[in-house]
Amino acid sequence: MEIFIAILTLAGVIVTTTGSIIVALIGNRKRAKEETERSRTEILEAIGGLKSDIAANSRATVATTRGLISQVYTENKDDKKLPEKTWRNVMDLYEAYKGITIDGHTPNSWCDELVNEMKTWKKV
């Protein structure tokens, strides 16, 4: 009888230990899921901030590029001549300008007209 009680006690300890392990695993899984969701939310917020920063930078780049191209145009419109190096710089700026998308759209403005006109000017 004592052996039976000992075996029964041992079985009870095994079941209790197993139950405790299962409960701990479930708790760990729940905490891990909550932590994953928290991390996901933080990452998505950070991505949103980066998108906003990139959009602001793109707008500034477009404005700066338009300004520089306009300046070159204004300084040389009377002679209708451009130094070769200046022309290459204008084309590099224009290529960068056309490579930017803001809210899914490529800039298209009076800057295109300036560049198209400067294409006809003499390069010195």
PDB file of N, CA and C in Angstrom:
ATOM      1  N   MET A   1       0.812  -1.179   0.000  1.00  0.00           N
ATOM      2  CA  MET A   1       0.000   0.000   0.000  1.00  0.00           C
ATOM      3  C   MET A   1       0.866   1.258   0.000  1.00  0.00           C
ATOM      4  N   GLU A   2       1.945   1.204   0.737  1.00  0.00           N
ATOM      5  CA  GLU A   2       2.829   2.359   0.779  1.00  0.00           C
ATOM      6  C   GLU A   2       3.427   2.639  -0.597  1.00  0.00           C
ATOM      7  N   ILE A   3       3.729   1.605  -1.321  1.00  0.00           N
ATOM      8  CA  ILE A   3       4.284   1.783  -2.670  1.00  0.00           C
ATOM      9  C   ILE A   3       3.231   2.422  -3.572  1.00  0.00           C
ATOM     10  N   PHE A   4       1.984   1.969  -3.417  1.00  0.00           N
ATOM     11  CA  PHE A   4       0.904   2.529  -4.213  1.00  0.00           C
ATOM     12  C   PHE A   4       0.744   4.018  -3.926  1.00  0.00           C
ATOM     13  N   ILE A   5       0.784   4.398  -2.662  1.00  0.00           N
ATOM     14  CA  ILE A   5       0.670   5.812  -2.268  1.00  0.00           C
ATOM     15  C   ILE A   5       1.867   6.596  -2.800  1.00  0.00           C
ATOM     16  N   ALA A   6       3.036   6.016  -2.734  1.00  0.00           N
ATOM     17  CA  ALA A   6       4.241   6.675  -3.242  1.00  0.00           C
ATOM     18  C   ALA A   6       4.130   6.890  -4.751  1.00  0.00           C
ATOM     19  N   ILE A   7       3.648   5.883  -5.463  1.00  0.00           N
ATOM     20  CA  ILE A   7       3.491   5.982  -6.921  1.00  0.00           C
ATOM     21  C   ILE A   7       2.424   7.024  -7.235  1.00  0.00           C
ATOM     22  N   LEU A   8       1.349   6.999  -6.495  1.00  0.00           N
ATOM     23  CA  LEU A   8       0.279   7.969  -6.701  1.00  0.00           C
ATOM     24  C   LEU A   8       0.768   9.388  -6.420  1.00  0.00           C
ATOM     25  N   THR A   9       1.550   9.553  -5.376  1.00  0.00           N
ATOM     26  CA  THR A   9       2.123  10.855  -5.036  1.00  0.00           C
ATOM     27  C   THR A   9       3.066  11.310  -6.137  1.00  0.00           C
ATOM     28  N   LEU A  10       3.890  10.405  -6.595  1.00  0.00           N
ATOM     29  CA  LEU A  10       4.827  10.723  -7.676  1.00  0.00           C
ATOM     30  C   LEU A  10       4.069  11.112  -8.943  1.00  0.00           C
ATOM     31  N   ALA A  11       3.014  10.395  -9.256  1.00  0.00           N
ATOM     32  CA  ALA A  11       2.195  10.709 -10.431  1.00  0.00           C
ATOM     33  C   ALA A  11       1.582  12.094 -10.270  1.00  0.00           C
ATOM     34  N   GLY A  12       1.115  12.409  -9.065  1.00  0.00           N
ATOM     35  CA  GLY A  12       0.537  13.728  -8.802  1.00  0.00           C
ATOM     36  C   GLY A  12       1.560  14.838  -8.996  1.00  0.00           C
ATOM     37  N   VAL A  13       2.780  14.588  -8.508  1.00  0.00           N
ATOM     38  CA  VAL A  13       3.858  15.572  -8.672  1.00  0.00           C
ATOM     39  C   VAL A  13       4.166  15.761 -10.155  1.00  0.00           C
ATOM     40  N   ILE A  14       4.206  14.689 -10.911  1.00  0.00           N
ATOM     41  CA  ILE A  14       4.504  14.759 -12.354  1.00  0.00           C
ATOM     42  C   ILE A  14       3.413  15.558 -13.076  1.00  0.00           C
ATOM     43  N   VAL A  15       2.150  15.268 -12.743  1.00  0.00           N
ATOM     44  CA  VAL A  15       1.047  15.978 -13.390  1.00  0.00           C
ATOM     45  C   VAL A  15       1.088  17.459 -13.022  1.00  0.00           C
ATOM     46  N   THR A  16       1.329  17.748 -11.748  1.00  0.00           N
ATOM     47  CA  THR A  16       1.400  19.145 -11.308  1.00  0.00           C
ATOM     48  C   THR A  16       2.545  19.881 -11.987  1.00  0.00           C
ATOM     49  N   THR A  17       3.700  19.252 -12.057  1.00  0.00           N
ATOM     50  CA  THR A  17       4.866  19.855 -12.711  1.00  0.00           C
ATOM     51  C   THR A  17       4.589  20.084 -14.193  1.00  0.00           C
ATOM     52  N   THR A  18       4.015  19.079 -14.835  1.00  0.00           N
ATOM     53  CA  THR A  18       3.688  19.198 -16.260  1.00  0.00           C
ATOM     54  C   THR A  18       2.694  20.343 -16.478  1.00  0.00           C
ATOM     55  N   GLY A  19       1.689  20.426 -15.616  1.00  0.00           N
ATOM     56  CA  GLY A  19       0.709  21.513 -15.719  1.00  0.00           C
ATOM     57  C   GLY A  19       1.356  22.870 -15.540  1.00  0.00           C
ATOM     58  N   SER A  20       2.254  22.970 -14.577  1.00  0.00           N
ATOM     59  CA  SER A  20       2.956  24.241 -14.345  1.00  0.00           C
ATOM     60  C   SER A  20       3.782  24.638 -15.562  1.00  0.00           C
ATOM     61  N   ILE A  21       4.428  23.669 -16.168  1.00  0.00           N
ATOM     62  CA  ILE A  21       5.242  23.932 -17.366  1.00  0.00           C
ATOM     63  C   ILE A  21       4.348  24.418 -18.512  1.00  0.00           C
ATOM     64  N   ILE A  22       3.208  23.757 -18.693  1.00  0.00           N
ATOM     65  CA  ILE A  22       2.286  24.131 -19.770  1.00  0.00           C
ATOM     66  C   ILE A  22       1.770  25.552 -19.539  1.00  0.00           C
ATOM     67  N   VAL A  23       1.382  25.858 -18.297  1.00  0.00           N
ATOM     68  CA  VAL A  23       0.890  27.196 -17.982  1.00  0.00           C
ATOM     69  C   VAL A  23       1.985  28.237 -18.244  1.00  0.00           C
ATOM     70  N   ALA A  24       3.216  27.927 -17.854  1.00  0.00           N
ATOM     71  CA  ALA A  24       4.331  28.851 -18.081  1.00  0.00           C
ATOM     72  C   ALA A  24       4.564  29.061 -19.574  1.00  0.00           C
ATOM     73  N   LEU A  25       4.493  27.990 -20.354  1.00  0.00           N
ATOM     74  CA  LEU A  25       4.689  28.107 -21.802  1.00  0.00           C
ATOM     75  C   LEU A  25       3.599  28.958 -22.443  1.00  0.00           C
ATOM     76  N   ILE A  26       2.369  28.753 -22.007  1.00  0.00           N
ATOM     77  CA  ILE A  26       1.264  29.552 -22.537  1.00  0.00           C
ATOM     78  C   ILE A  26       1.466  31.025 -22.173  1.00  0.00           C
ATOM     79  N   GLY A  27       1.857  31.287 -20.940  1.00  0.00           N
ATOM     80  CA  GLY A  27       2.117  32.665 -20.505  1.00  0.00           C
ATOM     81  C   GLY A  27       3.244  33.295 -21.297  1.00  0.00           C
ATOM     82  N   ASN A  28       4.321  32.533 -21.508  1.00  0.00           N
ATOM     83  CA  ASN A  28       5.453  33.043 -22.292  1.00  0.00           C
ATOM     84  C   ASN A  28       5.033  33.342 -23.724  1.00  0.00           C
ATOM     85  N   ARG A  29       4.223  32.453 -24.285  1.00  0.00           N
ATOM     86  CA  ARG A  29       3.768  32.648 -25.668  1.00  0.00           C
ATOM     87  C   ARG A  29       2.912  33.910 -25.761  1.00  0.00           C
ATOM     88  N   LYS A  30       2.043  34.109 -24.786  1.00  0.00           N
ATOM     89  CA  LYS A  30       1.190  35.290 -24.787  1.00  0.00           C
ATOM     90  C   LYS A  30       2.035  36.562 -24.658  1.00  0.00           C
ATOM     91  N   ARG A  31       3.024  36.550 -23.758  1.00  0.00           N
ATOM     92  CA  ARG A  31       3.905  37.716 -23.598  1.00  0.00           C
ATOM     93  C   ARG A  31       4.711  37.972 -24.874  1.00  0.00           C
ATOM     94  N   ALA A  32       5.177  36.899 -25.483  1.00  0.00           N
ATOM     95  CA  ALA A  32       5.947  37.041 -26.720  1.00  0.00           C
ATOM     96  C   ALA A  32       5.075  37.641 -27.824  1.00  0.00           C
ATOM     97  N   LYS A  33       3.826  37.207 -27.905  1.00  0.00           N
ATOM     98  CA  LYS A  33       2.912  37.743 -28.916  1.00  0.00           C
ATOM     99  C   LYS A  33       2.647  39.225 -28.656  1.00  0.00           C
ATOM    100  N   GLU A  34       2.435  39.592 -27.396  1.00  0.00           N
ATOM    101  CA  GLU A  34       2.210  40.995 -27.047  1.00  0.00           C
ATOM    102  C   GLU A  34       3.440  41.839 -27.374  1.00  0.00           C
ATOM    103  N   GLU A  35       4.620  41.326 -27.070  1.00  0.00           N
ATOM    104  CA  GLU A  35       5.866  42.053 -27.354  1.00  0.00           C
ATOM    105  C   GLU A  35       6.066  42.208 -28.860  1.00  0.00           C
ATOM    106  N   THR A  36       5.743  41.164 -29.608  1.00  0.00           N
ATOM    107  CA  THR A  36       5.850  41.227 -31.064  1.00  0.00           C
ATOM    108  C   THR A  36       4.908  42.295 -31.616  1.00  0.00           C
ATOM    109  N   GLU A  37       3.694  42.347 -31.103  1.00  0.00           N
ATOM    110  CA  GLU A  37       2.728  43.346 -31.562  1.00  0.00           C
ATOM    111  C   GLU A  37       3.193  44.757 -31.204  1.00  0.00           C
ATOM    112  N   ARG A  38       3.750  44.920 -30.011  1.00  0.00           N
ATOM    113  CA  ARG A  38       4.277  46.220 -29.600  1.00  0.00           C
ATOM    114  C   ARG A  38       5.423  46.648 -30.522  1.00  0.00           C
ATOM    115  N   SER A  39       6.304  45.715 -30.809  1.00  0.00           N
ATOM    116  CA  SER A  39       7.440  46.007 -31.698  1.00  0.00           C
ATOM    117  C   SER A  39       6.948  46.358 -33.095  1.00  0.00           C
ATOM    118  N   ARG A  40       5.972  45.623 -33.567  1.00  0.00           N
ATOM    119  CA  ARG A  40       5.400  45.881 -34.894  1.00  0.00           C
ATOM    120  C   ARG A  40       4.828  47.295 -34.956  1.00  0.00           C
ATOM    121  N   THR A  41       4.102  47.686 -33.940  1.00  0.00           N
ATOM    122  CA  THR A  41       3.512  49.022 -33.889  1.00  0.00           C
ATOM    123  C   THR A  41       4.600  50.086 -33.895  1.00  0.00           C
ATOM    124  N   GLU A  42       5.645  49.890 -33.110  1.00  0.00           N
ATOM    125  CA  GLU A  42       6.752  50.847 -33.062  1.00  0.00           C
ATOM    126  C   GLU A  42       7.439  50.954 -34.417  1.00  0.00           C
ATOM    127  N   ILE A  43       7.636  49.831 -35.075  1.00  0.00           N
ATOM    128  CA  ILE A  43       8.289  49.824 -36.391  1.00  0.00           C
ATOM    129  C   ILE A  43       7.431  50.565 -37.410  1.00  0.00           C
ATOM    130  N   LEU A  44       6.123  50.299 -37.398  1.00  0.00           N
ATOM    131  CA  LEU A  44       5.235  50.974 -38.344  1.00  0.00           C
ATOM    132  C   LEU A  44       5.206  52.485 -38.099  1.00  0.00           C
ATOM    133  N   GLU A  45       5.240  52.895 -36.841  1.00  0.00           N
ATOM    134  CA  GLU A  45       5.293  54.329 -36.530  1.00  0.00           C
ATOM    135  C   GLU A  45       6.602  54.940 -37.024  1.00  0.00           C
ATOM    136  N   ALA A  46       7.700  54.221 -36.844  1.00  0.00           N
ATOM    137  CA  ALA A  46       8.997  54.714 -37.317  1.00  0.00           C
ATOM    138  C   ALA A  46       9.011  54.826 -38.838  1.00  0.00           C
ATOM    139  N   ILE A  47       8.431  53.853 -39.518  1.00  0.00           N
ATOM    140  CA  ILE A  47       8.361  53.890 -40.981  1.00  0.00           C
ATOM    141  C   ILE A  47       7.528  55.091 -41.429  1.00  0.00           C
ATOM    142  N   GLY A  48       6.436  55.344 -40.737  1.00  0.00           N
ATOM    143  CA  GLY A  48       5.607  56.509 -41.063  1.00  0.00           C
ATOM    144  C   GLY A  48       6.394  57.803 -40.928  1.00  0.00           C
ATOM    145  N   GLY A  49       7.193  57.905 -39.872  1.00  0.00           N
ATOM    146  CA  GLY A  49       8.033  59.082 -39.687  1.00  0.00           C
ATOM    147  C   GLY A  49       9.062  59.217 -40.784  1.00  0.00           C
ATOM    148  N   LEU A  50       9.665  58.103 -41.174  1.00  0.00           N
ATOM    149  CA  LEU A  50      10.657  58.134 -42.257  1.00  0.00           C
ATOM    150  C   LEU A  50      10.015  58.560 -43.577  1.00  0.00           C
ATOM    151  N   LYS A  51       8.835  58.039 -43.854  1.00  0.00           N
ATOM    152  CA  LYS A  51       8.134  58.428 -45.084  1.00  0.00           C
ATOM    153  C   LYS A  51       7.871  59.925 -45.099  1.00  0.00           C
ATOM    154  N   SER A  52       7.463  60.453 -43.980  1.00  0.00           N
ATOM    155  CA  SER A  52       7.202  61.886 -43.877  1.00  0.00           C
ATOM    156  C   SER A  52       8.482  62.685 -44.102  1.00  0.00           C
ATOM    157  N   ASP A  53       9.578  62.237 -43.497  1.00  0.00           N
ATOM    158  CA  ASP A  53      10.862  62.921 -43.669  1.00  0.00           C
ATOM    159  C   ASP A  53      11.335  62.863 -45.119  1.00  0.00           C
ATOM    160  N   ILE A  54      11.167  61.712 -45.752  1.00  0.00           N
ATOM    161  CA  ILE A  54      11.585  61.557 -47.148  1.00  0.00           C
ATOM    162  C   ILE A  54      10.748  62.457 -48.052  1.00  0.00           C
ATOM    163  N   ALA A  55       9.447  62.535 -47.802  1.00  0.00           N
ATOM    164  CA  ALA A  55       8.581  63.402 -48.606  1.00  0.00           C
ATOM    165  C   ALA A  55       8.994  64.857 -48.460  1.00  0.00           C
ATOM    166  N   ALA A  56       9.291  65.277 -47.235  1.00  0.00           N
ATOM    167  CA  ALA A  56       9.730  66.661 -47.008  1.00  0.00           C
ATOM    168  C   ALA A  56      11.050  66.923 -47.718  1.00  0.00           C
ATOM    169  N   ASN A  57      11.961  65.959 -47.655  1.00  0.00           N
ATOM    170  CA  ASN A  57      13.255  66.098 -48.322  1.00  0.00           C
ATOM    171  C   ASN A  57      13.067  66.164 -49.836  1.00  0.00           C
ATOM    172  N   SER A  58      12.164  65.367 -50.362  1.00  0.00           N
ATOM    173  CA  SER A  58      11.904  65.380 -51.806  1.00  0.00           C
ATOM    174  C   SER A  58      11.344  66.723 -52.246  1.00  0.00           C
ATOM    175  N   ARG A  59      10.427  67.274 -51.466  1.00  0.00           N
ATOM    176  CA  ARG A  59       9.872  68.587 -51.810  1.00  0.00           C
ATOM    177  C   ARG A  59      10.963  69.657 -51.794  1.00  0.00           C
ATOM    178  N   ALA A  60      11.833  69.591 -50.800  1.00  0.00           N
ATOM    179  CA  ALA A  60      12.931  70.560 -50.716  1.00  0.00           C
ATOM    180  C   ALA A  60      13.882  70.398 -51.891  1.00  0.00           C
ATOM    181  N   THR A  61      14.156  69.158 -52.270  1.00  0.00           N
ATOM    182  CA  THR A  61      15.041  68.898 -53.407  1.00  0.00           C
ATOM    183  C   THR A  61      14.435  69.445 -54.692  1.00  0.00           C
ATOM    184  N   VAL A  62      13.147  69.239 -54.893  1.00  0.00           N
ATOM    185  CA  VAL A  62      12.481  69.751 -56.086  1.00  0.00           C
ATOM    186  C   VAL A  62      12.543  71.279 -56.112  1.00  0.00           C
ATOM    187  N   ALA A  63      12.243  71.898 -54.985  1.00  0.00           N
ATOM    188  CA  ALA A  63      12.270  73.367 -54.924  1.00  0.00           C
ATOM    189  C   ALA A  63      13.672  73.907 -55.185  1.00  0.00           C
ATOM    190  N   THR A  64      14.675  73.274 -54.590  1.00  0.00           N
ATOM    191  CA  THR A  64      16.062  73.706 -54.777  1.00  0.00           C
ATOM    192  C   THR A  64      16.490  73.529 -56.228  1.00  0.00           C
ATOM    193  N   THR A  65      16.147  72.398 -56.807  1.00  0.00           N
ATOM    194  CA  THR A  65      16.519  72.124 -58.194  1.00  0.00           C
ATOM    195  C   THR A  65      15.862  73.115 -59.132  1.00  0.00           C
ATOM    196  N   ARG A  66      14.581  73.367 -58.935  1.00  0.00           N
ATOM    197  CA  ARG A  66      13.895  74.370 -59.767  1.00  0.00           C
ATOM    198  C   ARG A  66      14.583  75.733 -59.643  1.00  0.00           C
ATOM    199  N   GLY A  67      14.932  76.085 -58.417  1.00  0.00           N
ATOM    200  CA  GLY A  67      15.588  77.373 -58.190  1.00  0.00           C
ATOM    201  C   GLY A  67      16.918  77.476 -58.904  1.00  0.00           C
ATOM    202  N   LEU A  68      17.717  76.417 -58.828  1.00  0.00           N
ATOM    203  CA  LEU A  68      19.034  76.438 -59.477  1.00  0.00           C
ATOM    204  C   LEU A  68      18.913  76.483 -60.995  1.00  0.00           C
ATOM    205  N   ILE A  69      17.995  75.693 -61.548  1.00  0.00           N
ATOM    206  CA  ILE A  69      17.802  75.700 -63.001  1.00  0.00           C
ATOM    207  C   ILE A  69      17.289  77.065 -63.444  1.00  0.00           C
ATOM    208  N   SER A  70      16.374  77.626 -62.680  1.00  0.00           N
ATOM    209  CA  SER A  70      15.845  78.948 -62.993  1.00  0.00           C
ATOM    210  C   SER A  70      16.952  80.009 -62.948  1.00  0.00           C
ATOM    211  N   GLN A  71      17.826  79.895 -61.986  1.00  0.00           N
ATOM    212  CA  GLN A  71      18.930  80.849 -61.853  1.00  0.00           C
ATOM    213  C   GLN A  71      19.851  80.778 -63.076  1.00  0.00           C
ATOM    214  N   VAL A  72      20.206  79.560 -63.492  1.00  0.00           N
ATOM    215  CA  VAL A  72      21.066  79.400 -64.673  1.00  0.00           C
ATOM    216  C   VAL A  72      20.365  79.985 -65.896  1.00  0.00           C
ATOM    217  N   TYR A  73      19.089  79.710 -66.031  1.00  0.00           N
ATOM    218  CA  TYR A  73      18.322  80.227 -67.168  1.00  0.00           C
ATOM    219  C   TYR A  73      18.345  81.761 -67.181  1.00  0.00           C
ATOM    220  N   THR A  74      18.013  82.341 -66.041  1.00  0.00           N
ATOM    221  CA  THR A  74      17.937  83.798 -65.941  1.00  0.00           C
ATOM    222  C   THR A  74      19.285  84.455 -66.238  1.00  0.00           C
ATOM    223  N   GLU A  75      20.366  83.873 -65.725  1.00  0.00           N
ATOM    224  CA  GLU A  75      21.694  84.455 -65.915  1.00  0.00           C
ATOM    225  C   GLU A  75      22.185  84.353 -67.360  1.00  0.00           C
ATOM    226  N   ASN A  76      21.625  83.433 -68.142  1.00  0.00           N
ATOM    227  CA  ASN A  76      22.150  83.194 -69.489  1.00  0.00           C
ATOM    228  C   ASN A  76      21.135  83.400 -70.601  1.00  0.00           C
ATOM    229  N   LYS A  77      19.926  83.824 -70.283  1.00  0.00           N
ATOM    230  CA  LYS A  77      18.869  83.909 -71.299  1.00  0.00           C
ATOM    231  C   LYS A  77      19.137  84.963 -72.369  1.00  0.00           C
ATOM    232  N   ASP A  78      19.840  86.038 -72.013  1.00  0.00           N
ATOM    233  CA  ASP A  78      20.094  87.086 -72.999  1.00  0.00           C
ATOM    234  C   ASP A  78      21.083  86.619 -74.063  1.00  0.00           C
ATOM    235  N   ASP A  79      22.150  85.923 -73.624  1.00  0.00           N
ATOM    236  CA  ASP A  79      23.177  85.439 -74.561  1.00  0.00           C
ATOM    237  C   ASP A  79      22.763  84.134 -75.239  1.00  0.00           C
ATOM    238  N   LYS A  80      21.890  83.383 -74.604  1.00  0.00           N
ATOM    239  CA  LYS A  80      21.483  82.056 -75.099  1.00  0.00           C
ATOM    240  C   LYS A  80      22.701  81.159 -75.327  1.00  0.00           C
ATOM    241  N   LYS A  81      23.655  81.268 -74.385  1.00  0.00           N
ATOM    242  CA  LYS A  81      24.861  80.434 -74.397  1.00  0.00           C
ATOM    243  C   LYS A  81      25.071  79.909 -72.981  1.00  0.00           C
ATOM    244  N   LEU A  82      25.604  78.683 -72.930  1.00  0.00           N
ATOM    245  CA  LEU A  82      25.919  78.075 -71.628  1.00  0.00           C
ATOM    246  C   LEU A  82      27.297  77.438 -71.690  1.00  0.00           C
ATOM    247  N   PRO A  83      28.086  77.635 -70.643  1.00  0.00           N
ATOM    248  CA  PRO A  83      29.325  76.872 -70.562  1.00  0.00           C
ATOM    249  C   PRO A  83      28.980  75.371 -70.496  1.00  0.00           C
ATOM    250  N   GLU A  84      29.791  74.573 -71.143  1.00  0.00           N
ATOM    251  CA  GLU A  84      29.535  73.127 -71.218  1.00  0.00           C
ATOM    252  C   GLU A  84      29.367  72.512 -69.831  1.00  0.00           C
ATOM    253  N   LYS A  85      30.237  72.909 -68.910  1.00  0.00           N
ATOM    254  CA  LYS A  85      30.172  72.348 -67.553  1.00  0.00           C
ATOM    255  C   LYS A  85      28.854  72.736 -66.868  1.00  0.00           C
ATOM    256  N   THR A  86      28.427  73.965 -67.067  1.00  0.00           N
ATOM    257  CA  THR A  86      27.154  74.421 -66.493  1.00  0.00           C
ATOM    258  C   THR A  86      26.009  73.623 -67.089  1.00  0.00           C
ATOM    259  N   TRP A  87      26.071  73.387 -68.404  1.00  0.00           N
ATOM    260  CA  TRP A  87      25.028  72.605 -69.060  1.00  0.00           C
ATOM    261  C   TRP A  87      24.953  71.188 -68.500  1.00  0.00           C
ATOM    262  N   ARG A  88      26.098  70.564 -68.302  1.00  0.00           N
ATOM    263  CA  ARG A  88      26.114  69.204 -67.719  1.00  0.00           C
ATOM    264  C   ARG A  88      25.517  69.223 -66.316  1.00  0.00           C
ATOM    265  N   ASN A  89      25.837  70.266 -65.550  1.00  0.00           N
ATOM    266  CA  ASN A  89      25.267  70.384 -64.205  1.00  0.00           C
ATOM    267  C   ASN A  89      23.748  70.551 -64.262  1.00  0.00           C
ATOM    268  N   VAL A  90      23.285  71.363 -65.195  1.00  0.00           N
ATOM    269  CA  VAL A  90      21.840  71.554 -65.355  1.00  0.00           C
ATOM    270  C   VAL A  90      21.175  70.217 -65.699  1.00  0.00           C
ATOM    271  N   MET A  91      21.785  69.477 -66.593  1.00  0.00           N
ATOM    272  CA  MET A  91      21.198  68.191 -66.988  1.00  0.00           C
ATOM    273  C   MET A  91      21.214  67.183 -65.827  1.00  0.00           C
ATOM    274  N   ASP A  92      22.273  67.200 -65.036  1.00  0.00           N
ATOM    275  CA  ASP A  92      22.316  66.334 -63.851  1.00  0.00           C
ATOM    276  C   ASP A  92      21.214  66.707 -62.868  1.00  0.00           C
ATOM    277  N   LEU A  93      21.052  68.015 -62.652  1.00  0.00           N
ATOM    278  CA  LEU A  93      19.977  68.484 -61.767  1.00  0.00           C
ATOM    279  C   LEU A  93      18.610  68.090 -62.314  1.00  0.00           C
ATOM    280  N   TYR A  94      18.436  68.280 -63.599  1.00  0.00           N
ATOM    281  CA  TYR A  94      17.149  67.982 -64.223  1.00  0.00           C
ATOM    282  C   TYR A  94      16.834  66.488 -64.152  1.00  0.00           C
ATOM    283  N   GLU A  95      17.848  65.666 -64.381  1.00  0.00           N
ATOM    284  CA  GLU A  95      17.653  64.213 -64.289  1.00  0.00           C
ATOM    285  C   GLU A  95      17.244  63.819 -62.868  1.00  0.00           C
ATOM    286  N   ALA A  96      17.904  64.399 -61.878  1.00  0.00           N
ATOM    287  CA  ALA A  96      17.546  64.129 -60.488  1.00  0.00           C
ATOM    288  C   ALA A  96      16.127  64.625 -60.201  1.00  0.00           C
ATOM    289  N   TYR A  97      15.809  65.804 -60.716  1.00  0.00           N
ATOM    290  CA  TYR A  97      14.486  66.406 -60.541  1.00  0.00           C
ATOM    291  C   TYR A  97      13.401  65.490 -61.092  1.00  0.00           C
ATOM    292  N   LYS A  98      13.622  64.951 -62.277  1.00  0.00           N
ATOM    293  CA  LYS A  98      12.628  64.087 -62.901  1.00  0.00           C
ATOM    294  C   LYS A  98      12.596  62.690 -62.264  1.00  0.00           C
ATOM    295  N   GLY A  99      13.635  62.352 -61.504  1.00  0.00           N
ATOM    296  CA  GLY A  99      13.675  61.044 -60.848  1.00  0.00           C
ATOM    297  C   GLY A  99      12.953  61.011 -59.511  1.00  0.00           C
ATOM    298  N   ILE A 100      12.528  62.159 -59.045  1.00  0.00           N
ATOM    299  CA  ILE A 100      11.847  62.245 -57.753  1.00  0.00           C
ATOM    300  C   ILE A 100      10.354  62.041 -57.951  1.00  0.00           C
ATOM    301  N   THR A 101       9.742  61.327 -57.029  1.00  0.00           N
ATOM    302  CA  THR A 101       8.287  61.241 -57.020  1.00  0.00           C
ATOM    303  C   THR A 101       7.787  61.784 -55.686  1.00  0.00           C
ATOM    304  N   ILE A 102       6.764  62.580 -55.776  1.00  0.00           N
ATOM    305  CA  ILE A 102       6.128  63.131 -54.576  1.00  0.00           C
ATOM    306  C   ILE A 102       4.669  62.716 -54.624  1.00  0.00           C
ATOM    307  N   ASP A 103       4.266  61.997 -53.614  1.00  0.00           N
ATOM    308  CA  ASP A 103       2.896  61.472 -53.559  1.00  0.00           C
ATOM    309  C   ASP A 103       2.560  60.695 -54.827  1.00  0.00           C
ATOM    310  N   GLY A 104       3.547  59.972 -55.341  1.00  0.00           N
ATOM    311  CA  GLY A 104       3.337  59.131 -56.516  1.00  0.00           C
ATOM    312  C   GLY A 104       3.421  59.853 -57.853  1.00  0.00           C
ATOM    313  N   HIS A 105       3.766  61.143 -57.836  1.00  0.00           N
ATOM    314  CA  HIS A 105       3.819  61.914 -59.078  1.00  0.00           C
ATOM    315  C   HIS A 105       5.212  62.478 -59.310  1.00  0.00           C
ATOM    316  N   THR A 106       5.620  62.477 -60.585  1.00  0.00           N
ATOM    317  CA  THR A 106       6.887  63.085 -60.981  1.00  0.00           C
ATOM    318  C   THR A 106       6.653  64.573 -61.179  1.00  0.00           C
ATOM    319  N   PRO A 107       7.553  65.423 -60.673  1.00  0.00           N
ATOM    320  CA  PRO A 107       7.363  66.873 -60.863  1.00  0.00           C
ATOM    321  C   PRO A 107       7.300  67.217 -62.348  1.00  0.00           C
ATOM    322  N   ASN A 108       6.392  68.077 -62.676  1.00  0.00           N
ATOM    323  CA  ASN A 108       6.232  68.517 -64.052  1.00  0.00           C
ATOM    324  C   ASN A 108       5.802  69.979 -63.982  1.00  0.00           C
ATOM    325  N   SER A 109       6.644  70.869 -64.443  1.00  0.00           N
ATOM    326  CA  SER A 109       6.324  72.285 -64.273  1.00  0.00           C
ATOM    327  C   SER A 109       7.019  73.125 -65.323  1.00  0.00           C
ATOM    328  N   TRP A 110       7.022  74.409 -65.067  1.00  0.00           N
ATOM    329  CA  TRP A 110       7.685  75.380 -65.930  1.00  0.00           C
ATOM    330  C   TRP A 110       9.172  75.081 -66.056  1.00  0.00           C
ATOM    331  N   CYS A 111       9.721  74.345 -65.127  1.00  0.00           N
ATOM    332  CA  CYS A 111      11.134  73.972 -65.174  1.00  0.00           C
ATOM    333  C   CYS A 111      11.425  73.155 -66.443  1.00  0.00           C
ATOM    334  N   ASP A 112      10.467  72.333 -66.844  1.00  0.00           N
ATOM    335  CA  ASP A 112      10.625  71.556 -68.076  1.00  0.00           C
ATOM    336  C   ASP A 112      10.808  72.493 -69.276  1.00  0.00           C
ATOM    337  N   GLU A 113      10.032  73.547 -69.297  1.00  0.00           N
ATOM    338  CA  GLU A 113      10.117  74.512 -70.403  1.00  0.00           C
ATOM    339  C   GLU A 113      11.469  75.215 -70.427  1.00  0.00           C
ATOM    340  N   LEU A 114      11.984  75.567 -69.260  1.00  0.00           N
ATOM    341  CA  LEU A 114      13.299  76.225 -69.201  1.00  0.00           C
ATOM    342  C   LEU A 114      14.378  75.306 -69.760  1.00  0.00           C
ATOM    343  N   VAL A 115      14.364  74.054 -69.313  1.00  0.00           N
ATOM    344  CA  VAL A 115      15.383  73.095 -69.770  1.00  0.00           C
ATOM    345  C   VAL A 115      15.239  72.859 -71.268  1.00  0.00           C
ATOM    346  N   ASN A 116      14.012  72.709 -71.752  1.00  0.00           N
ATOM    347  CA  ASN A 116      13.813  72.498 -73.195  1.00  0.00           C
ATOM    348  C   ASN A 116      14.338  73.678 -74.005  1.00  0.00           C
ATOM    349  N   GLU A 117      14.153  74.884 -73.510  1.00  0.00           N
ATOM    350  CA  GLU A 117      14.689  76.043 -74.211  1.00  0.00           C
ATOM    351  C   GLU A 117      16.212  76.065 -74.152  1.00  0.00           C
ATOM    352  N   MET A 118      16.788  75.763 -72.963  1.00  0.00           N
ATOM    353  CA  MET A 118      18.251  75.766 -72.829  1.00  0.00           C
ATOM    354  C   MET A 118      18.897  74.696 -73.699  1.00  0.00           C
ATOM    355  N   LYS A 119      18.163  73.657 -74.042  1.00  0.00           N
ATOM    356  CA  LYS A 119      18.705  72.624 -74.933  1.00  0.00           C
ATOM    357  C   LYS A 119      19.044  73.190 -76.309  1.00  0.00           C
ATOM    358  N   THR A 120      18.368  74.254 -76.676  1.00  0.00           N
ATOM    359  CA  THR A 120      18.608  74.860 -77.997  1.00  0.00           C
ATOM    360  C   THR A 120      19.738  75.887 -77.992  1.00  0.00           C
ATOM    361  N   TRP A 121      20.218  76.238 -76.810  1.00  0.00           N
ATOM    362  CA  TRP A 121      21.260  77.262 -76.692  1.00  0.00           C
ATOM    363  C   TRP A 121      22.616  76.688 -77.081  1.00  0.00           C
ATOM    364  N   LYS A 122      23.500  77.596 -77.448  1.00  0.00           N
ATOM    365  CA  LYS A 122      24.871  77.217 -77.814  1.00  0.00           C
ATOM    366  C   LYS A 122      25.629  76.847 -76.537  1.00  0.00           C
ATOM    367  N   LYS A 123      26.426  75.779 -76.648  1.00  0.00           N
ATOM    368  CA  LYS A 123      27.256  75.335 -75.520  1.00  0.00           C
ATOM    369  C   LYS A 123      28.684  75.748 -75.820  1.00  0.00           C
ATOM    370  N   VAL A 124      29.291  76.468 -74.869  1.00  0.00           N
ATOM    371  CA  VAL A 124      30.660  76.968 -75.070  1.00  0.00           C
ATOM    372  C   VAL A 124      31.610  76.372 -74.060  1.00  0.00           C
TER     373      VAL A 124
END
